[in-house]
């Protein structure tokens, strides 16, 4: 399973792969340090649309993992680029937090409260019935519905909380219109990261802990994939996740140290 793979860069998931909440996973700091020392290009690729790249980098650094904002690819950045490429300077009704709003404005899009061309939605912990009404009406009147990421649940210090996908499900039910999905398991976010690195899909290895998002997205984009058994997908549920997704990871590692050992041989 590990033969015939040529890798020039890594697209690395965050939560569950490099850390759990505010706790670094063993070997994450060393892996990133080794990638930098050996000049192997990489990007942090996350479905999180609430944080800015600067905030994501600060979170990583705070746990001891080297990071700068230019290495971070979020679903908010990819969503903003998607809309800007489709319709430069488009009018956007944004349901989301700082990371998404900043990404949209930085892309030259206009944030408006009425008659938008697009409704772009991510996680919004201040989501209200009035926002649901507005989104439903604008979408039914022709605005294009863009969802940053379909995660139904998010981990928190107090347990699981509803994710962007849960809000998106409510808007879809109300408007009867399916969204354009940007984040994993869609290939859009992966293609955004590949463009940032100027790397072809067949030269990239997607590293993640979740068959249903990370590995599915990597396969959809045409990348090689490495499943790290440190998070959502485990030895116990892996076969079921493979059945649900319909693809197998190219590589499976128990931990990040095993990944680096393989990379050292691969990149000689």
Foldseek 3Di string as FASTA:
>chain_A
DQPPAAAQEEAEEDDLAQAPALEGDPPNQVLQVVCVVVVRYYAYEYQDQADALQVVQVSCVSNPHHDDSLRYFYLLLLLLVVVCVVPNQFEEAEQYHDSNVVSNVVSNHHYDQDLGQAYEYWFHPPDDPVVLVSLLVNVLVHRAYEYSAQDQWDQDPVGIDGTRNVVQVSSCVSNVDHHHYQAFPALSSVVVSCVSVVHQQSNYEYEEAALRGRVNNSVNRVHAYEHAPRGDDHPVCPVVSCVVSVHDHPYYHPHVVVVVVSVVVSVD
